[in-house]
Amino acid sequence: MQFGFVGSKADLSLFMHTGTSSIIYILIYVNDIIITGSNDAVITDIIQQLYKEFAITNLGPLSFF
């Protein structure tokens, strides 16, 4: 699976993708993944790709961080 994400130099669990119309962040901690960014359509596409590759459960909007 290739999305073009680049790992952060400050935090090894943070990955960033900068596109022409969006920036997307993925933060991974043990078995939790937080996906956020500036373009909901791109986020939805990434989540759909993750569903195809892995057995994941979407817990909905983040309520505590």
N, C-alpha and C. Protein backbone atom coordinates (compact mmCIF):
# COMPACT_ATOMS: atom_id res chain seq x y z
N MET A 1 0.85 -1.17 0.00
CA MET A 1 0.00 0.00 0.00
C MET A 1 0.90 1.23 0.00
N GLN A 2 0.68 2.12 -0.93
CA GLN A 2 1.54 3.28 -1.06
C GLN A 2 0.66 4.52 -1.19
N PHE A 3 0.77 5.41 -0.21
CA PHE A 3 0.01 6.66 -0.25
C PHE A 3 0.91 7.87 -0.37
N GLY A 4 2.21 7.69 -0.19
CA GLY A 4 3.12 8.82 -0.25
C GLY A 4 3.28 9.55 1.06
N PHE A 5 3.03 8.87 2.17
CA PHE A 5 3.20 9.49 3.48
C PHE A 5 4.68 9.54 3.83
N VAL A 6 5.04 10.57 4.57
CA VAL A 6 6.41 10.76 5.02
C VAL A 6 6.40 10.76 6.54
N GLY A 7 7.33 10.03 7.14
CA GLY A 7 7.43 9.97 8.59
C GLY A 7 7.96 11.27 9.17
N SER A 8 7.45 11.62 10.33
CA SER A 8 7.90 12.82 11.02
C SER A 8 9.26 12.58 11.66
N LYS A 9 10.11 13.58 11.63
CA LYS A 9 11.41 13.47 12.30
C LYS A 9 11.28 13.69 13.80
N ALA A 10 10.20 14.36 14.22
CA ALA A 10 9.99 14.65 15.64
C ALA A 10 9.29 13.52 16.38
N ASP A 11 8.44 12.75 15.68
CA ASP A 11 7.66 11.69 16.31
C ASP A 11 7.59 10.52 15.35
N LEU A 12 8.15 9.39 15.73
CA LEU A 12 8.21 8.22 14.84
C LEU A 12 6.85 7.60 14.55
N SER A 13 5.82 7.97 15.32
CA SER A 13 4.49 7.40 15.09
C SER A 13 3.60 8.32 14.26
N LEU A 14 4.12 9.45 13.79
CA LEU A 14 3.34 10.41 13.01
C LEU A 14 3.79 10.37 11.55
N PHE A 15 2.79 10.28 10.66
CA PHE A 15 3.05 10.26 9.22
C PHE A 15 2.21 11.36 8.57
N MET A 16 2.80 12.04 7.57
CA MET A 16 2.14 13.17 6.93
C MET A 16 2.13 13.01 5.42
N HIS A 17 1.06 13.49 4.82
CA HIS A 17 0.96 13.50 3.36
C HIS A 17 0.47 14.87 2.94
N THR A 18 1.22 15.54 2.10
CA THR A 18 0.83 16.85 1.60
C THR A 18 0.50 16.74 0.12
N GLY A 19 -0.74 17.04 -0.20
CA GLY A 19 -1.18 17.03 -1.59
C GLY A 19 -1.40 18.44 -2.09
N THR A 20 -1.91 18.57 -3.30
CA THR A 20 -2.14 19.89 -3.86
C THR A 20 -3.28 20.62 -3.16
N SER A 21 -4.24 19.85 -2.65
CA SER A 21 -5.41 20.48 -2.00
C SER A 21 -5.63 20.03 -0.58
N SER A 22 -4.66 19.31 0.01
CA SER A 22 -4.90 18.80 1.35
C SER A 22 -3.60 18.44 2.05
N ILE A 23 -3.71 18.34 3.37
CA ILE A 23 -2.65 17.76 4.19
C ILE A 23 -3.32 16.76 5.12
N ILE A 24 -2.75 15.57 5.20
CA ILE A 24 -3.33 14.50 5.99
C ILE A 24 -2.29 14.02 7.00
N TYR A 25 -2.73 13.79 8.24
CA TYR A 25 -1.87 13.27 9.29
C TYR A 25 -2.41 11.92 9.76
N ILE A 26 -1.51 10.97 9.95
CA ILE A 26 -1.87 9.69 10.55
C ILE A 26 -0.95 9.49 11.74
N LEU A 27 -1.55 9.27 12.90
CA LEU A 27 -0.81 9.02 14.13
C LEU A 27 -1.13 7.60 14.58
N ILE A 28 -0.10 6.80 14.78
CA ILE A 28 -0.29 5.40 15.15
C ILE A 28 0.30 5.18 16.54
N TYR A 29 -0.51 4.61 17.43
CA TYR A 29 -0.05 4.28 18.77
C TYR A 29 -0.57 2.89 19.12
N VAL A 30 0.32 1.93 19.23
CA VAL A 30 0.01 0.52 19.51
C VAL A 30 -1.04 0.03 18.51
N ASN A 31 -2.31 -0.09 18.92
CA ASN A 31 -3.33 -0.56 18.00
C ASN A 31 -4.39 0.51 17.71
N ASP A 32 -4.05 1.76 17.96
CA ASP A 32 -4.96 2.86 17.68
C ASP A 32 -4.37 3.72 16.55
N ILE A 33 -5.23 4.19 15.67
CA ILE A 33 -4.82 5.05 14.57
C ILE A 33 -5.73 6.27 14.56
N ILE A 34 -5.12 7.44 14.53
CA ILE A 34 -5.86 8.69 14.39
C ILE A 34 -5.54 9.25 13.01
N ILE A 35 -6.58 9.53 12.24
CA ILE A 35 -6.42 10.11 10.91
C ILE A 35 -7.14 11.44 10.90
N THR A 36 -6.43 12.49 10.53
CA THR A 36 -7.05 13.81 10.44
C THR A 36 -6.41 14.58 9.29
N GLY A 37 -7.07 15.62 8.89
CA GLY A 37 -6.52 16.43 7.80
C GLY A 37 -7.51 17.47 7.32
N SER A 38 -7.16 18.09 6.22
CA SER A 38 -7.94 19.21 5.71
C SER A 38 -8.95 18.83 4.62
N ASN A 39 -8.99 17.56 4.21
CA ASN A 39 -9.87 17.16 3.12
C ASN A 39 -10.58 15.86 3.48
N ASP A 40 -11.89 15.97 3.79
CA ASP A 40 -12.66 14.79 4.20
C ASP A 40 -12.70 13.70 3.14
N ALA A 41 -12.74 14.07 1.87
CA ALA A 41 -12.80 13.07 0.80
C ALA A 41 -11.52 12.24 0.75
N VAL A 42 -10.38 12.87 0.95
CA VAL A 42 -9.11 12.15 0.95
C VAL A 42 -9.03 11.24 2.17
N ILE A 43 -9.48 11.72 3.32
CA ILE A 43 -9.49 10.90 4.53
C ILE A 43 -10.36 9.67 4.33
N THR A 44 -11.54 9.85 3.75
CA THR A 44 -12.44 8.73 3.48
C THR A 44 -11.79 7.72 2.54
N ASP A 45 -11.10 8.20 1.53
CA ASP A 45 -10.42 7.32 0.59
C ASP A 45 -9.32 6.51 1.29
N ILE A 46 -8.57 7.14 2.15
CA ILE A 46 -7.51 6.44 2.89
C ILE A 46 -8.11 5.38 3.80
N ILE A 47 -9.20 5.72 4.49
CA ILE A 47 -9.86 4.74 5.36
C ILE A 47 -10.36 3.55 4.55
N GLN A 48 -10.93 3.79 3.37
CA GLN A 48 -11.40 2.70 2.52
C GLN A 48 -10.24 1.80 2.09
N GLN A 49 -9.10 2.39 1.77
CA GLN A 49 -7.93 1.60 1.40
C GLN A 49 -7.45 0.76 2.60
N LEU A 50 -7.50 1.33 3.78
CA LEU A 50 -7.10 0.58 4.98
C LEU A 50 -8.04 -0.60 5.23
N TYR A 51 -9.36 -0.40 4.99
CA TYR A 51 -10.33 -1.50 5.11
C TYR A 51 -9.98 -2.65 4.17
N LYS A 52 -9.50 -2.33 2.97
CA LYS A 52 -9.15 -3.36 2.00
C LYS A 52 -7.91 -4.15 2.41
N GLU A 53 -6.99 -3.51 3.11
CA GLU A 53 -5.71 -4.14 3.46
C GLU A 53 -5.69 -4.80 4.84
N PHE A 54 -6.48 -4.25 5.78
CA PHE A 54 -6.39 -4.69 7.17
C PHE A 54 -7.78 -4.89 7.76
N ALA A 55 -7.85 -5.68 8.82
CA ALA A 55 -9.09 -5.82 9.59
C ALA A 55 -9.13 -4.69 10.60
N ILE A 56 -9.88 -3.62 10.28
CA ILE A 56 -9.93 -2.46 11.16
C ILE A 56 -11.37 -2.16 11.55
N THR A 57 -11.52 -1.43 12.64
CA THR A 57 -12.81 -0.98 13.11
C THR A 57 -12.77 0.53 13.22
N ASN A 58 -13.73 1.20 12.63
CA ASN A 58 -13.81 2.65 12.71
C ASN A 58 -14.65 3.01 13.93
N LEU A 59 -14.04 3.67 14.91
CA LEU A 59 -14.75 4.05 16.13
C LEU A 59 -15.39 5.41 16.03
N GLY A 60 -15.34 6.02 14.87
CA GLY A 60 -16.00 7.30 14.66
C GLY A 60 -15.14 8.48 15.05
N PRO A 61 -15.78 9.63 15.20
CA PRO A 61 -15.02 10.84 15.54
C PRO A 61 -14.29 10.71 16.87
N LEU A 62 -13.15 11.32 16.94
CA LEU A 62 -12.33 11.30 18.15
C LEU A 62 -12.99 12.12 19.24
N SER A 63 -13.15 11.53 20.42
CA SER A 63 -13.79 12.25 21.52
C SER A 63 -12.81 12.57 22.65
N PHE A 64 -11.65 11.91 22.65
CA PHE A 64 -10.66 12.17 23.69
C PHE A 64 -9.29 11.87 23.13
N PHE A 65 -8.32 12.77 23.41
CA PHE A 65 -6.98 12.55 22.93
C PHE A 65 -5.99 12.97 23.99
